Amino acid sequence: MSPNTVASYCHDIEGFLAFCEVEPRVVTTEDIQRYLGKVTAEGLSKRSTARLVSALRSFFSWCVEEGEIKENPCDRIDAPKLGKYLPEVLSVDEVTAILESVDLNAPYGKRNRAILEVLYGCGLRVSECAGLRISHVHLEEGFVDVIGKGNKQRLIPLGEMAADAILAYLPERPSPASAACEDFLFLNRFGKPLSRVSLFNLVKEQAMVAGIQKEISPHTFRHSFATHLIENGADLRIVQEMLGHESILTTEIYTHIDTSTWHRMVLEHHPRA
């Protein structure tokens, strides 16, 4: 699993064990139910609760495999049913407003514009953008080489706008703080790679400058990238490959486009139209 998933699972398990104050080998199903009731009452979302149950189930399955316990106390615990999640999506005009609101003459203005262009133009996850390497950006060929979840590699076309923004940023890129930082594309003022938190803050601040009222994050650009591709007729399988989704069912959340778009697409491609 990714480092972020590992950290989240460990945090969930540690929180539960601190609540129980007993050794894992004596934890009961009732202990888990009491803890789930507590965190739910405190406002934990269904999605986070489902992750918590998954973390505990994995942990206690490991305990069974190690011979610490005979039965998994999570076996009789059901994770909450999750409805179909429709992510927040920006319109093309809203994306344009955010991109054009960046002051290119401000310190790190060209870097910030390049980051936003890449987030939207390539549909990258925030960790993929933060970890993007110069050696993986092929400007002449027009694509980026991304290492995503599960250490899987994928190639994504790099549009002209994003490529131009990167070219404008490179002459102003800070000097790397060390040899380990040399290949990272986006650096902070100390010459070190940007963190995920820095990218979150950058996106939120730029949305405020552009007057966008929606609650957005770097992932919003990824959602918008996928939605706009599908609205414009891109094949779902192609979008799946570009996003790096293991299952096409994950990609299908982006098919929530309006009826008029589907109506037009069907009539344009139907043999009896």
Protein backbone atom coordinates (compact mmCIF):
# COMPACT_ATOMS: atom_id res chain seq x y z
CA MET A 1 0.00 0.00 0.00
CA SER A 2 1.03 3.64 -0.37
CA PRO A 3 2.85 5.37 2.52
CA ASN A 4 -0.23 7.56 3.09
CA THR A 5 -2.49 4.50 3.44
CA VAL A 6 -0.03 2.84 5.82
CA ALA A 7 0.13 5.98 7.96
CA SER A 8 -3.68 6.26 8.03
CA TYR A 9 -4.15 2.60 9.01
CA CYS A 10 -1.54 2.87 11.76
CA HIS A 11 -3.20 6.02 13.10
CA ASP A 12 -6.60 4.29 13.15
CA ILE A 13 -5.27 1.21 14.95
CA GLU A 14 -3.30 3.22 17.51
CA GLY A 15 -6.37 5.33 18.29
CA PHE A 16 -8.47 2.21 18.87
CA LEU A 17 -5.88 0.50 21.09
CA ALA A 18 -5.47 3.67 23.15
CA PHE A 19 -9.24 3.72 23.67
CA CYS A 20 -9.37 0.05 24.74
CA GLU A 21 -6.31 0.20 27.02
CA VAL A 22 -5.94 -3.60 26.76
CA GLU A 23 -3.69 -5.98 24.86
CA PRO A 24 -4.84 -6.72 21.28
CA ARG A 25 -5.17 -10.43 22.11
CA VAL A 26 -8.04 -9.78 24.54
CA VAL A 27 -9.99 -7.28 22.38
CA THR A 28 -13.60 -8.33 21.78
CA THR A 29 -16.20 -7.54 19.14
CA GLU A 30 -18.03 -5.50 21.79
CA ASP A 31 -14.90 -3.34 22.30
CA ILE A 32 -14.83 -2.55 18.59
CA GLN A 33 -18.56 -1.78 18.54
CA ARG A 34 -18.18 0.59 21.50
CA TYR A 35 -15.33 2.41 19.76
CA LEU A 36 -17.24 2.71 16.49
CA GLY A 37 -20.20 4.11 18.40
CA LYS A 38 -17.95 6.67 20.05
CA VAL A 39 -16.25 7.93 16.87
CA THR A 40 -19.56 7.97 14.98
CA ALA A 41 -21.14 10.09 17.72
CA GLU A 42 -18.17 12.45 17.42
CA GLY A 43 -19.00 12.97 13.75
CA LEU A 44 -16.67 10.57 11.93
CA SER A 45 -17.89 10.25 8.34
CA LYS A 46 -19.09 6.98 6.82
CA ARG A 47 -16.09 6.90 4.52
CA SER A 48 -13.61 7.35 7.39
CA THR A 49 -15.51 4.79 9.49
CA ALA A 50 -15.26 2.29 6.64
CA ARG A 51 -11.51 2.86 6.49
CA LEU A 52 -11.28 2.39 10.26
CA VAL A 53 -13.11 -0.95 10.06
CA SER A 54 -10.83 -2.01 7.20
CA ALA A 55 -7.73 -1.09 9.21
CA LEU A 56 -8.90 -3.02 12.28
CA ARG A 57 -9.94 -6.04 10.21
CA SER A 58 -6.51 -6.13 8.55
CA PHE A 59 -4.71 -5.78 11.88
CA PHE A 60 -6.64 -8.53 13.62
CA SER A 61 -6.31 -10.80 10.55
CA TRP A 62 -2.57 -10.42 11.00
CA CYS A 63 -2.95 -11.29 14.69
CA VAL A 64 -4.75 -14.50 13.68
CA GLU A 65 -2.01 -15.38 11.17
CA GLU A 66 0.63 -14.80 13.86
CA GLY A 67 -1.19 -17.08 16.28
CA GLU A 68 -1.87 -14.29 18.79
CA ILE A 69 -5.65 -14.82 18.62
CA LYS A 70 -7.92 -17.55 17.30
CA GLU A 71 -10.72 -15.46 15.77
CA ASN A 72 -10.90 -12.02 14.20
CA PRO A 73 -13.16 -9.85 16.40
CA CYS A 74 -14.01 -7.80 13.29
CA ASP A 75 -15.64 -10.74 11.51
CA ARG A 76 -19.09 -9.74 12.79
CA ILE A 77 -18.56 -6.02 12.20
CA ASP A 78 -20.11 -4.56 9.07
CA ALA A 79 -18.60 -1.46 7.50
CA PRO A 80 -21.11 1.32 6.73
CA LYS A 81 -22.64 1.23 3.28
CA LEU A 82 -21.22 4.03 1.16
CA GLY A 83 -23.43 5.79 -1.34
CA LYS A 84 -22.11 6.76 -4.73
CA TYR A 85 -19.64 9.55 -4.09
CA LEU A 86 -19.85 12.47 -6.51
CA PRO A 87 -16.76 14.65 -6.14
CA GLU A 88 -16.80 18.44 -6.38
CA VAL A 89 -16.10 19.50 -9.95
CA LEU A 90 -15.06 22.86 -11.35
CA SER A 91 -16.45 24.16 -14.61
CA VAL A 92 -14.04 24.98 -17.42
CA ASP A 93 -14.59 28.68 -16.70
CA GLU A 94 -13.80 28.19 -13.01
CA VAL A 95 -10.59 26.32 -13.82
CA THR A 96 -9.60 29.09 -16.23
CA ALA A 97 -10.35 31.74 -13.60
CA ILE A 98 -8.08 30.02 -11.05
CA LEU A 99 -5.25 29.55 -13.53
CA GLU A 100 -5.41 33.11 -14.80
CA SER A 101 -5.61 34.57 -11.29
CA VAL A 102 -1.98 33.60 -10.60
CA ASP A 103 0.29 36.67 -10.57
CA LEU A 104 3.22 35.53 -12.70
CA ASN A 105 5.34 38.45 -11.47
CA ALA A 106 4.95 37.46 -7.82
CA PRO A 107 7.56 35.29 -6.11
CA TYR A 108 6.92 31.67 -7.13
CA GLY A 109 4.09 32.83 -9.40
CA LYS A 110 5.42 30.89 -12.40
CA ARG A 111 5.94 27.80 -10.24
CA ASN A 112 2.40 27.98 -8.88
CA ARG A 113 0.93 28.41 -12.35
CA ALA A 114 2.91 25.39 -13.57
CA ILE A 115 1.67 23.29 -10.63
CA LEU A 116 -1.96 24.18 -11.31
CA GLU A 117 -1.57 23.56 -15.05
CA VAL A 118 -0.08 20.12 -14.37
CA LEU A 119 -2.72 19.20 -11.78
CA TYR A 120 -5.51 20.00 -14.22
CA GLY A 121 -3.77 19.19 -17.51
CA CYS A 122 -2.58 15.73 -16.40
CA GLY A 123 -5.08 14.80 -13.68
CA LEU A 124 -2.33 13.91 -11.19
CA ARG A 125 -2.87 12.93 -7.58
CA VAL A 126 -1.41 15.47 -5.15
CA SER A 127 1.42 13.10 -4.14
CA GLU A 128 2.22 12.44 -7.82
CA CYS A 129 2.48 16.17 -8.51
CA ALA A 130 4.63 16.83 -5.43
CA GLY A 131 6.95 13.96 -6.39
CA LEU A 132 7.15 14.72 -10.12
CA ARG A 133 10.73 14.42 -11.41
CA ILE A 134 12.33 16.54 -14.13
CA SER A 135 13.63 13.35 -15.73
CA HIS A 136 10.03 12.14 -16.04
CA VAL A 137 8.81 15.26 -17.88
CA HIS A 138 9.35 14.88 -21.63
CA LEU A 139 8.54 18.30 -23.04
CA GLU A 140 9.54 17.64 -26.65
CA GLU A 141 7.62 14.37 -26.82
CA GLY A 142 4.66 15.91 -24.96
CA PHE A 143 4.07 13.52 -22.07
CA VAL A 144 4.91 12.90 -18.41
CA ASP A 145 5.97 9.59 -16.92
CA VAL A 146 4.20 9.11 -13.58
CA ILE A 147 4.78 6.54 -10.85
CA GLY A 148 1.43 6.17 -9.10
CA LYS A 149 -0.21 3.94 -6.50
CA GLY A 150 1.30 0.50 -6.15
CA ASN A 151 4.48 1.79 -7.83
CA LYS A 152 2.70 1.50 -11.20
CA GLN A 153 3.96 3.54 -14.11
CA ARG A 154 1.73 5.33 -16.59
CA LEU A 155 2.25 7.83 -19.40
CA ILE A 156 0.06 10.92 -19.60
CA PRO A 157 -0.07 13.38 -22.50
CA LEU A 158 1.24 16.83 -21.58
CA GLY A 159 -0.77 19.64 -23.13
CA GLU A 160 0.75 22.77 -24.62
CA MET A 161 -0.48 25.01 -21.79
CA ALA A 162 1.12 22.84 -19.10
CA ALA A 163 4.34 22.43 -21.10
CA ASP A 164 4.63 26.20 -21.63
CA ALA A 165 4.04 26.82 -17.91
CA ILE A 166 6.82 24.37 -16.98
CA LEU A 167 9.21 25.98 -19.47
CA ALA A 168 8.46 29.42 -18.01
CA TYR A 169 9.11 28.13 -14.47
CA LEU A 170 12.37 26.24 -15.04
CA PRO A 171 14.66 29.33 -15.33
CA GLU A 172 13.33 30.55 -11.95
CA ARG A 173 13.41 27.16 -10.21
CA PRO A 174 15.24 27.45 -6.85
CA SER A 175 18.61 25.78 -6.45
CA PRO A 176 18.18 22.28 -5.02
CA ALA A 177 19.08 22.01 -1.34
CA SER A 178 20.96 18.75 -1.91
CA ALA A 179 21.74 16.13 -4.51
CA ALA A 180 18.63 14.22 -3.38
CA CYS A 181 16.45 17.19 -4.42
CA GLU A 182 18.01 17.84 -7.83
CA ASP A 183 15.52 15.86 -9.89
CA PHE A 184 12.33 17.11 -8.21
CA LEU A 185 10.51 19.53 -10.51
CA PHE A 186 8.67 21.65 -7.97
CA LEU A 187 10.78 23.06 -5.13
CA ASN A 188 10.04 25.39 -2.22
CA ARG A 189 12.13 28.43 -1.32
CA PHE A 190 14.56 26.21 0.58
CA GLY A 191 15.22 24.10 -2.51
CA LYS A 192 13.31 21.09 -1.18
CA PRO A 193 10.33 19.24 -2.71
CA LEU A 194 6.93 20.68 -1.90
CA SER A 195 4.81 18.78 0.61
CA ARG A 196 1.24 17.62 0.03
CA VAL A 197 0.09 20.22 2.61
CA SER A 198 1.83 22.99 0.65
CA LEU A 199 -0.04 21.98 -2.50
CA PHE A 200 -3.35 21.88 -0.62
CA ASN A 201 -2.73 25.39 0.72
CA LEU A 202 -1.66 26.68 -2.68
CA VAL A 203 -4.85 25.45 -4.36
CA LYS A 204 -7.15 26.79 -1.63
CA GLU A 205 -5.46 30.21 -1.59
CA GLN A 206 -5.56 30.54 -5.37
CA ALA A 207 -9.24 29.57 -5.46
CA MET A 208 -9.95 32.35 -2.95
CA VAL A 209 -8.03 34.85 -5.10
CA ALA A 210 -10.12 33.78 -8.11
CA GLY A 211 -13.35 34.19 -6.12
CA ILE A 212 -14.31 30.50 -6.32
CA GLN A 213 -16.70 29.66 -3.46
CA LYS A 214 -16.53 25.87 -3.77
CA GLU A 215 -14.60 23.78 -1.24
CA ILE A 216 -11.74 22.53 -3.39
CA SER A 217 -8.43 20.71 -3.07
CA PRO A 218 -5.74 19.50 -5.51
CA HIS A 219 -7.93 16.44 -6.10
CA THR A 220 -10.67 18.74 -7.42
CA PHE A 221 -8.49 19.45 -10.45
CA ARG A 222 -8.13 15.69 -10.99
CA HIS A 223 -11.92 15.24 -10.78
CA SER A 224 -12.46 18.15 -13.15
CA PHE A 225 -9.86 16.82 -15.61
CA ALA A 226 -11.64 13.47 -15.80
CA THR A 227 -15.14 14.93 -15.97
CA HIS A 228 -14.26 17.39 -18.74
CA LEU A 229 -12.60 14.64 -20.79
CA ILE A 230 -15.70 12.45 -20.57
CA GLU A 231 -18.03 15.36 -21.29
CA ASN A 232 -16.04 15.98 -24.46
CA GLY A 233 -16.38 12.38 -25.61
CA ALA A 234 -13.22 10.68 -24.31
CA ASP A 235 -13.48 6.90 -23.92
CA LEU A 236 -13.93 5.78 -20.32
CA ARG A 237 -11.14 3.20 -20.66
CA ILE A 238 -8.69 5.87 -21.81
CA VAL A 239 -9.62 8.08 -18.86
CA GLN A 240 -9.16 5.07 -16.55
CA GLU A 241 -5.62 4.55 -17.87
CA MET A 242 -4.73 8.22 -17.52
CA LEU A 243 -6.01 8.39 -13.94
CA GLY A 244 -4.28 5.15 -12.99
CA HIS A 245 -7.45 3.52 -11.63
CA GLU A 246 -7.21 -0.22 -10.95
CA SER A 247 -10.92 -0.68 -11.68
CA ILE A 248 -13.10 1.08 -14.21
CA LEU A 249 -15.80 1.19 -11.52
CA THR A 250 -13.75 3.91 -9.83
CA THR A 251 -13.63 5.90 -13.06
CA GLU A 252 -17.38 5.61 -13.50
CA ILE A 253 -18.01 8.21 -10.78
CA TYR A 254 -17.10 10.77 -13.44
CA THR A 255 -20.03 9.78 -15.66
CA HIS A 256 -22.38 12.02 -13.69
CA ILE A 257 -22.53 14.44 -16.62
CA ASP A 258 -25.80 16.09 -17.58
CA THR A 259 -28.43 14.35 -19.65
CA SER A 260 -28.05 16.69 -22.61
CA THR A 261 -24.40 15.64 -23.02
CA TRP A 262 -25.28 11.93 -23.10
CA HIS A 263 -28.20 12.65 -25.44
CA ARG A 264 -25.93 14.45 -27.91
CA MET A 265 -23.19 11.78 -27.70
CA VAL A 266 -25.60 8.88 -28.29
CA LEU A 267 -27.27 10.54 -31.28
CA GLU A 268 -23.94 11.53 -32.83
CA HIS A 269 -22.54 7.98 -32.65
CA HIS A 270 -25.67 5.85 -33.15
CA PRO A 271 -25.74 4.05 -36.56
CA ARG A 272 -29.45 4.90 -36.99
CA ALA A 273 -29.11 8.55 -36.02
